[in-house]
Structure formats: structure tokens, C-alpha cells
Amino acid sequence: MRQSIGIIILVFVLTMAVVHTVSAAPPPPGQPPDPPDPGGGGVPIGGSPIDGGALILVALAAGYGARKFYNARKRKISE
């Protein structure tokens, strides 16, 4: 039982390390944007960063699932 939980934690940590490393790579530099038209005054709309929040959400979901699995397994063994 302890060994399977250790394997699950190890796989989770390695997966999160790979995901974090891949998502942390900066994008290659592009060409600068064209200058705006005179009097345009439009503000470019950019995307919002969701990588940190998504990573936390996935980690919490994996922890919750692992805890549910552990409790179900413990309950099955005790019966």
C-alpha cells in the first residue's frame, strides 16, 4: 500500500516538473508591431496568463483524487 502511494506521488511530481518546465519556456521573439495609425488610439487587447492558476487547479485535483483513492483502498482492505 505504501509503495503504491509512493509511486503515485513520484509520477505526479515528475509530471508536474515536466509540465512546468515545458510551459515556462519563453516564446521566440517576433517582429515589432506596426505603428498605430495617427489618431487611432486603440489599445491592443492581450491574453491573460492562466498557466499558474491552471497548474494549481490540476495539482489540487490530483491531490483530491489521490486522497479519495487512498480512502477507498483503505476501506476495502479493512472490510
PDB file of N, CA and C in Angstrom:
ATOM      1  N   MET A   1       0.826  -1.182   0.000  1.00  0.00           N
ATOM      2  CA  MET A   1       0.000   0.000   0.000  1.00  0.00           C
ATOM      3  C   MET A   1       0.877   1.256   0.000  1.00  0.00           C
ATOM      4  N   ARG A   2       1.868   1.313   0.872  1.00  0.00           N
ATOM      5  CA  ARG A   2       2.743   2.482   0.928  1.00  0.00           C
ATOM      6  C   ARG A   2       3.517   2.643  -0.377  1.00  0.00           C
ATOM      7  N   GLN A   3       3.900   1.512  -0.955  1.00  0.00           N
ATOM      8  CA  GLN A   3       4.676   1.578  -2.182  1.00  0.00           C
ATOM      9  C   GLN A   3       3.835   2.162  -3.321  1.00  0.00           C
ATOM     10  N   SER A   4       2.564   1.791  -3.407  1.00  0.00           N
ATOM     11  CA  SER A   4       1.730   2.321  -4.491  1.00  0.00           C
ATOM     12  C   SER A   4       1.481   3.821  -4.309  1.00  0.00           C
ATOM     13  N   ILE A   5       1.320   4.280  -3.073  1.00  0.00           N
ATOM     14  CA  ILE A   5       1.148   5.716  -2.839  1.00  0.00           C
ATOM     15  C   ILE A   5       2.431   6.451  -3.195  1.00  0.00           C
ATOM     16  N   GLY A   6       3.569   5.866  -2.863  1.00  0.00           N
ATOM     17  CA  GLY A   6       4.850   6.467  -3.222  1.00  0.00           C
ATOM     18  C   GLY A   6       5.027   6.567  -4.731  1.00  0.00           C
ATOM     19  N   ILE A   7       4.610   5.545  -5.455  1.00  0.00           N
ATOM     20  CA  ILE A   7       4.703   5.565  -6.911  1.00  0.00           C
ATOM     21  C   ILE A   7       3.774   6.635  -7.483  1.00  0.00           C
ATOM     22  N   ILE A   8       2.566   6.739  -6.935  1.00  0.00           N
ATOM     23  CA  ILE A   8       1.617   7.753  -7.407  1.00  0.00           C
ATOM     24  C   ILE A   8       2.183   9.153  -7.176  1.00  0.00           C
ATOM     25  N   ILE A   9       2.748   9.391  -6.009  1.00  0.00           N
ATOM     26  CA  ILE A   9       3.325  10.702  -5.707  1.00  0.00           C
ATOM     27  C   ILE A   9       4.516  10.982  -6.623  1.00  0.00           C
ATOM     28  N   LEU A  10       5.358   9.986  -6.851  1.00  0.00           N
ATOM     29  CA  LEU A  10       6.519  10.159  -7.727  1.00  0.00           C
ATOM     30  C   LEU A  10       6.086  10.501  -9.152  1.00  0.00           C
ATOM     31  N   VAL A  11       5.108   9.786  -9.674  1.00  0.00           N
ATOM     32  CA  VAL A  11       4.610  10.067 -11.024  1.00  0.00           C
ATOM     33  C   VAL A  11       4.022  11.471 -11.083  1.00  0.00           C
ATOM     34  N   PHE A  12       3.283  11.867 -10.063  1.00  0.00           N
ATOM     35  CA  PHE A  12       2.684  13.199 -10.025  1.00  0.00           C
ATOM     36  C   PHE A  12       3.764  14.283 -10.025  1.00  0.00           C
ATOM     37  N   VAL A  13       4.770  14.117  -9.194  1.00  0.00           N
ATOM     38  CA  VAL A  13       5.832  15.123  -9.101  1.00  0.00           C
ATOM     39  C   VAL A  13       6.592  15.222 -10.421  1.00  0.00           C
ATOM     40  N   LEU A  14       6.916  14.088 -11.017  1.00  0.00           N
ATOM     41  CA  LEU A  14       7.634  14.117 -12.290  1.00  0.00           C
ATOM     42  C   LEU A  14       6.789  14.736 -13.393  1.00  0.00           C
ATOM     43  N   THR A  15       5.508  14.428 -13.419  1.00  0.00           N
ATOM     44  CA  THR A  15       4.620  15.013 -14.421  1.00  0.00           C
ATOM     45  C   THR A  15       4.532  16.516 -14.253  1.00  0.00           C
ATOM     46  N   MET A  16       4.369  16.979 -13.020  1.00  0.00           N
ATOM     47  CA  MET A  16       4.287  18.419 -12.787  1.00  0.00           C
ATOM     48  C   MET A  16       5.608  19.110 -13.132  1.00  0.00           C
ATOM     49  N   ALA A  17       6.739  18.459 -12.885  1.00  0.00           N
ATOM     50  CA  ALA A  17       8.030  19.052 -13.228  1.00  0.00           C
ATOM     51  C   ALA A  17       8.164  19.217 -14.736  1.00  0.00           C
ATOM     52  N   VAL A  18       7.751  18.208 -15.485  1.00  0.00           N
ATOM     53  CA  VAL A  18       7.826  18.291 -16.943  1.00  0.00           C
ATOM     54  C   VAL A  18       6.872  19.359 -17.470  1.00  0.00           C
ATOM     55  N   VAL A  19       5.646  19.382 -16.956  1.00  0.00           N
ATOM     56  CA  VAL A  19       4.665  20.369 -17.409  1.00  0.00           C
ATOM     57  C   VAL A  19       5.154  21.777 -17.096  1.00  0.00           C
ATOM     58  N   HIS A  20       5.684  21.976 -15.926  1.00  0.00           N
ATOM     59  CA  HIS A  20       6.169  23.302 -15.543  1.00  0.00           C
ATOM     60  C   HIS A  20       7.366  23.723 -16.390  1.00  0.00           C
ATOM     61  N   THR A  21       8.263  22.796 -16.688  1.00  0.00           N
ATOM     62  CA  THR A  21       9.435  23.110 -17.496  1.00  0.00           C
ATOM     63  C   THR A  21       9.034  23.468 -18.921  1.00  0.00           C
ATOM     64  N   VAL A  22       8.121  22.717 -19.489  1.00  0.00           N
ATOM     65  CA  VAL A  22       7.699  22.973 -20.865  1.00  0.00           C
ATOM     66  C   VAL A  22       6.921  24.278 -20.963  1.00  0.00           C
ATOM     67  N   SER A  23       6.061  24.543 -19.995  1.00  0.00           N
ATOM     68  CA  SER A  23       5.250  25.756 -20.067  1.00  0.00           C
ATOM     69  C   SER A  23       6.052  27.004 -19.702  1.00  0.00           C
ATOM     70  N   ALA A  24       7.213  26.858 -19.094  1.00  0.00           N
ATOM     71  CA  ALA A  24       7.997  28.011 -18.667  1.00  0.00           C
ATOM     72  C   ALA A  24       8.917  28.543 -19.760  1.00  0.00           C
ATOM     73  N   ALA A  25       9.015  27.839 -20.891  1.00  0.00           N
ATOM     74  CA  ALA A  25       9.901  28.293 -21.953  1.00  0.00           C
ATOM     75  C   ALA A  25       9.343  29.563 -22.582  1.00  0.00           C
ATOM     76  N   PRO A  26      10.179  30.595 -22.712  1.00  0.00           N
ATOM     77  CA  PRO A  26       9.682  31.846 -23.295  1.00  0.00           C
ATOM     78  C   PRO A  26       9.455  31.691 -24.794  1.00  0.00           C
ATOM     79  N   PRO A  27       8.487  32.409 -25.320  1.00  0.00           N
ATOM     80  CA  PRO A  27       8.248  32.324 -26.758  1.00  0.00           C
ATOM     81  C   PRO A  27       9.370  33.020 -27.524  1.00  0.00           C
ATOM     82  N   PRO A  28       9.605  32.602 -28.759  1.00  0.00           N
ATOM     83  CA  PRO A  28      10.658  33.267 -29.525  1.00  0.00           C
ATOM     84  C   PRO A  28      10.257  34.709 -29.834  1.00  0.00           C
ATOM     85  N   PRO A  29      11.234  35.601 -29.923  1.00  0.00           N
ATOM     86  CA  PRO A  29      10.895  36.995 -30.193  1.00  0.00           C
ATOM     87  C   PRO A  29      10.327  37.151 -31.602  1.00  0.00           C
ATOM     88  N   GLY A  30       9.324  37.976 -31.715  1.00  0.00           N
ATOM     89  CA  GLY A  30       8.708  38.219 -33.013  1.00  0.00           C
ATOM     90  C   GLY A  30       9.083  39.598 -33.521  1.00  0.00           C
ATOM     91  N   GLN A  31       8.480  39.967 -34.622  1.00  0.00           N
ATOM     92  CA  GLN A  31       8.732  41.293 -35.164  1.00  0.00           C
ATOM     93  C   GLN A  31       7.933  42.311 -34.369  1.00  0.00           C
ATOM     94  N   PRO A  32       8.454  43.512 -34.250  1.00  0.00           N
ATOM     95  CA  PRO A  32       7.703  44.532 -33.511  1.00  0.00           C
ATOM     96  C   PRO A  32       6.421  44.879 -34.263  1.00  0.00           C
ATOM     97  N   PRO A  33       5.385  45.264 -33.526  1.00  0.00           N
ATOM     98  CA  PRO A  33       4.127  45.591 -34.196  1.00  0.00           C
ATOM     99  C   PRO A  33       4.261  46.866 -35.015  1.00  0.00           C
ATOM    100  N   ASP A  34       3.413  46.976 -36.022  1.00  0.00           N
ATOM    101  CA  ASP A  34       3.394  48.184 -36.844  1.00  0.00           C
ATOM    102  C   ASP A  34       2.949  49.363 -35.983  1.00  0.00           C
ATOM    103  N   PRO A  35       3.438  50.550 -36.314  1.00  0.00           N
ATOM    104  CA  PRO A  35       2.990  51.722 -35.545  1.00  0.00           C
ATOM    105  C   PRO A  35       1.503  51.975 -35.790  1.00  0.00           C
ATOM    106  N   PRO A  36       0.795  52.455 -34.788  1.00  0.00           N
ATOM    107  CA  PRO A  36      -0.642  52.687 -34.972  1.00  0.00           C
ATOM    108  C   PRO A  36      -0.901  53.850 -35.925  1.00  0.00           C
ATOM    109  N   ASP A  37      -2.076  53.833 -36.511  1.00  0.00           N
ATOM    110  CA  ASP A  37      -2.472  54.930 -37.396  1.00  0.00           C
ATOM    111  C   ASP A  37      -2.592  56.199 -36.560  1.00  0.00           C
ATOM    112  N   PRO A  38      -2.310  57.342 -37.178  1.00  0.00           N
ATOM    113  CA  PRO A  38      -2.449  58.592 -36.419  1.00  0.00           C
ATOM    114  C   PRO A  38      -3.898  58.803 -35.979  1.00  0.00           C
ATOM    115  N   GLY A  39      -4.060  59.054 -34.709  1.00  0.00           N
ATOM    116  CA  GLY A  39      -5.397  59.300 -34.170  1.00  0.00           C
ATOM    117  C   GLY A  39      -6.191  58.047 -33.889  1.00  0.00           C
ATOM    118  N   GLY A  40      -5.578  56.883 -34.087  1.00  0.00           N
ATOM    119  CA  GLY A  40      -6.319  55.635 -33.845  1.00  0.00           C
ATOM    120  C   GLY A  40      -6.588  55.430 -32.364  1.00  0.00           C
ATOM    121  N   GLY A  41      -5.550  55.467 -31.587  1.00  0.00           N
ATOM    122  CA  GLY A  41      -5.686  55.372 -30.140  1.00  0.00           C
ATOM    123  C   GLY A  41      -6.219  54.042 -29.633  1.00  0.00           C
ATOM    124  N   GLY A  42      -6.246  53.014 -30.436  1.00  0.00           N
ATOM    125  CA  GLY A  42      -6.753  51.718 -29.986  1.00  0.00           C
ATOM    126  C   GLY A  42      -5.743  51.022 -29.090  1.00  0.00           C
ATOM    127  N   VAL A  43      -6.216  50.501 -28.003  1.00  0.00           N
ATOM    128  CA  VAL A  43      -5.347  49.774 -27.084  1.00  0.00           C
ATOM    129  C   VAL A  43      -5.420  48.297 -27.454  1.00  0.00           C
ATOM    130  N   PRO A  44      -4.271  47.656 -27.743  1.00  0.00           N
ATOM    131  CA  PRO A  44      -4.323  46.235 -28.091  1.00  0.00           C
ATOM    132  C   PRO A  44      -4.758  45.404 -26.891  1.00  0.00           C
ATOM    133  N   ILE A  45      -5.565  44.422 -27.164  1.00  0.00           N
ATOM    134  CA  ILE A  45      -6.079  43.556 -26.106  1.00  0.00           C
ATOM    135  C   ILE A  45      -5.216  42.305 -26.063  1.00  0.00           C
ATOM    136  N   GLY A  46      -4.633  42.051 -24.918  1.00  0.00           N
ATOM    137  CA  GLY A  46      -3.772  40.888 -24.774  1.00  0.00           C
ATOM    138  C   GLY A  46      -4.462  39.790 -23.980  1.00  0.00           C
ATOM    139  N   GLY A  47      -3.871  38.610 -23.993  1.00  0.00           N
ATOM    140  CA  GLY A  47      -4.415  37.491 -23.240  1.00  0.00           C
ATOM    141  C   GLY A  47      -4.021  37.568 -21.778  1.00  0.00           C
ATOM    142  N   SER A  48      -4.776  36.932 -20.946  1.00  0.00           N
ATOM    143  CA  SER A  48      -4.447  36.915 -19.527  1.00  0.00           C
ATOM    144  C   SER A  48      -3.687  35.627 -19.206  1.00  0.00           C
ATOM    145  N   PRO A  49      -2.696  35.685 -18.326  1.00  0.00           N
ATOM    146  CA  PRO A  49      -1.929  34.480 -18.005  1.00  0.00           C
ATOM    147  C   PRO A  49      -2.749  33.530 -17.130  1.00  0.00           C
ATOM    148  N   ILE A  50      -2.916  32.298 -17.591  1.00  0.00           N
ATOM    149  CA  ILE A  50      -3.685  31.322 -16.817  1.00  0.00           C
ATOM    150  C   ILE A  50      -2.826  30.137 -16.411  1.00  0.00           C
ATOM    151  N   ASP A  51      -1.538  30.133 -16.763  1.00  0.00           N
ATOM    152  CA  ASP A  51      -0.718  28.962 -16.510  1.00  0.00           C
ATOM    153  C   ASP A  51      -0.534  28.669 -15.029  1.00  0.00           C
ATOM    154  N   GLY A  52      -0.334  29.681 -14.194  1.00  0.00           N
ATOM    155  CA  GLY A  52      -0.130  29.447 -12.765  1.00  0.00           C
ATOM    156  C   GLY A  52      -1.388  28.927 -12.090  1.00  0.00           C
ATOM    157  N   GLY A  53      -2.525  29.519 -12.407  1.00  0.00           N
ATOM    158  CA  GLY A  53      -3.783  29.085 -11.807  1.00  0.00           C
ATOM    159  C   GLY A  53      -4.182  27.695 -12.264  1.00  0.00           C
ATOM    160  N   ALA A  54      -3.950  27.398 -13.530  1.00  0.00           N
ATOM    161  CA  ALA A  54      -4.292  26.074 -14.053  1.00  0.00           C
ATOM    162  C   ALA A  54      -3.418  25.005 -13.406  1.00  0.00           C
ATOM    163  N   LEU A  55      -2.159  25.317 -13.198  1.00  0.00           N
ATOM    164  CA  LEU A  55      -1.249  24.358 -12.562  1.00  0.00           C
ATOM    165  C   LEU A  55      -1.683  24.080 -11.124  1.00  0.00           C
ATOM    166  N   ILE A  56      -2.073  25.098 -10.405  1.00  0.00           N
ATOM    167  CA  ILE A  56      -2.545  24.913  -9.032  1.00  0.00           C
ATOM    168  C   ILE A  56      -3.831  24.095  -9.022  1.00  0.00           C
ATOM    169  N   LEU A  57      -4.747  24.390  -9.951  1.00  0.00           N
ATOM    170  CA  LEU A  57      -6.004  23.649 -10.023  1.00  0.00           C
ATOM    171  C   LEU A  57      -5.767  22.173 -10.309  1.00  0.00           C
ATOM    172  N   VAL A  58      -4.876  21.861 -11.229  1.00  0.00           N
ATOM    173  CA  VAL A  58      -4.571  20.469 -11.558  1.00  0.00           C
ATOM    174  C   VAL A  58      -3.914  19.773 -10.372  1.00  0.00           C
ATOM    175  N   ALA A  59      -3.024  20.459  -9.673  1.00  0.00           N
ATOM    176  CA  ALA A  59      -2.360  19.858  -8.516  1.00  0.00           C
ATOM    177  C   ALA A  59      -3.368  19.561  -7.408  1.00  0.00           C
ATOM    178  N   LEU A  60      -4.272  20.481  -7.153  1.00  0.00           N
ATOM    179  CA  LEU A  60      -5.286  20.244  -6.126  1.00  0.00           C
ATOM    180  C   LEU A  60      -6.225  19.111  -6.514  1.00  0.00           C
ATOM    181  N   ALA A  61      -6.602  19.040  -7.772  1.00  0.00           N
ATOM    182  CA  ALA A  61      -7.481  17.967  -8.238  1.00  0.00           C
ATOM    183  C   ALA A  61      -6.792  16.607  -8.122  1.00  0.00           C
ATOM    184  N   ALA A  62      -5.509  16.562  -8.457  1.00  0.00           N
ATOM    185  CA  ALA A  62      -4.766  15.302  -8.342  1.00  0.00           C
ATOM    186  C   ALA A  62      -4.633  14.886  -6.877  1.00  0.00           C
ATOM    187  N   GLY A  63      -4.390  15.836  -6.000  1.00  0.00           N
ATOM    188  CA  GLY A  63      -4.307  15.521  -4.575  1.00  0.00           C
ATOM    189  C   GLY A  63      -5.624  15.027  -4.019  1.00  0.00           C
ATOM    190  N   TYR A  64      -6.712  15.662  -4.443  1.00  0.00           N
ATOM    191  CA  TYR A  64      -8.046  15.246  -4.006  1.00  0.00           C
ATOM    192  C   TYR A  64      -8.357  13.830  -4.499  1.00  0.00           C
ATOM    193  N   GLY A  65      -8.038  13.560  -5.757  1.00  0.00           N
ATOM    194  CA  GLY A  65      -8.266  12.225  -6.307  1.00  0.00           C
ATOM    195  C   GLY A  65      -7.418  11.172  -5.622  1.00  0.00           C
ATOM    196  N   ALA A  66      -6.178  11.503  -5.326  1.00  0.00           N
ATOM    197  CA  ALA A  66      -5.294  10.551  -4.637  1.00  0.00           C
ATOM    198  C   ALA A  66      -5.818  10.254  -3.235  1.00  0.00           C
ATOM    199  N   ARG A  67      -6.310  11.279  -2.555  1.00  0.00           N
ATOM    200  CA  ARG A  67      -6.862  11.072  -1.212  1.00  0.00           C
ATOM    201  C   ARG A  67      -8.105  10.189  -1.263  1.00  0.00           C
ATOM    202  N   LYS A  68      -8.995  10.424  -2.234  1.00  0.00           N
ATOM    203  CA  LYS A  68     -10.193   9.597  -2.391  1.00  0.00           C
ATOM    204  C   LYS A  68      -9.807   8.146  -2.705  1.00  0.00           C
ATOM    205  N   PHE A  69      -8.807   7.962  -3.559  1.00  0.00           N
ATOM    206  CA  PHE A  69      -8.340   6.632  -3.901  1.00  0.00           C
ATOM    207  C   PHE A  69      -7.762   5.934  -2.678  1.00  0.00           C
ATOM    208  N   TYR A  70      -6.974   6.665  -1.900  1.00  0.00           N
ATOM    209  CA  TYR A  70      -6.365   6.110  -0.695  1.00  0.00           C
ATOM    210  C   TYR A  70      -7.435   5.683   0.309  1.00  0.00           C
ATOM    211  N   ASN A  71      -8.444   6.527   0.527  1.00  0.00           N
ATOM    212  CA  ASN A  71      -9.511   6.186   1.473  1.00  0.00           C
ATOM    213  C   ASN A  71     -10.330   4.995   0.989  1.00  0.00           C
ATOM    214  N   ALA A  72     -10.622   4.925  -0.286  1.00  0.00           N
ATOM    215  CA  ALA A  72     -11.383   3.801  -0.819  1.00  0.00           C
ATOM    216  C   ALA A  72     -10.587   2.512  -0.692  1.00  0.00           C
ATOM    217  N   ARG A  73      -9.314   2.595  -0.978  1.00  0.00           N
ATOM    218  CA  ARG A  73      -8.456   1.409  -0.877  1.00  0.00           C
ATOM    219  C   ARG A  73      -8.345   0.954   0.581  1.00  0.00           C
ATOM    220  N   LYS A  74      -8.195   1.916   1.503  1.00  0.00           N
ATOM    221  CA  LYS A  74      -8.093   1.588   2.923  1.00  0.00           C
ATOM    222  C   LYS A  74      -9.387   0.954   3.414  1.00  0.00           C
ATOM    223  N   ARG A  75     -10.511   1.490   2.975  1.00  0.00           N
ATOM    224  CA  ARG A  75     -11.808   0.943   3.380  1.00  0.00           C
ATOM    225  C   ARG A  75     -11.997  -0.464   2.843  1.00  0.00           C
ATOM    226  N   LYS A  76     -11.546  -0.715   1.618  1.00  0.00           N
ATOM    227  CA  LYS A  76     -11.693  -2.041   1.008  1.00  0.00           C
ATOM    228  C   LYS A  76     -10.829  -3.069   1.745  1.00  0.00           C
ATOM    229  N   ILE A  77      -9.627  -2.680   2.147  1.00  0.00           N
ATOM    230  CA  ILE A  77      -8.737  -3.593   2.855  1.00  0.00           C
ATOM    231  C   ILE A  77      -9.278  -3.924   4.242  1.00  0.00           C
ATOM    232  N   SER A  78      -9.862  -2.943   4.910  1.00  0.00           N
ATOM    233  CA  SER A  78     -10.353  -3.176   6.271  1.00  0.00           C
ATOM    234  C   SER A  78     -11.610  -4.043   6.301  1.00  0.00           C
ATOM    235  N   GLU A  79     -12.310  -4.142   5.188  1.00  0.00           N
ATOM    236  CA  GLU A  79     -13.549  -4.972   5.153  1.00  0.00           C
ATOM    237  C   GLU A  79     -13.261  -6.419   4.977  1.00  0.00           C
TER     238      GLU A  79
END
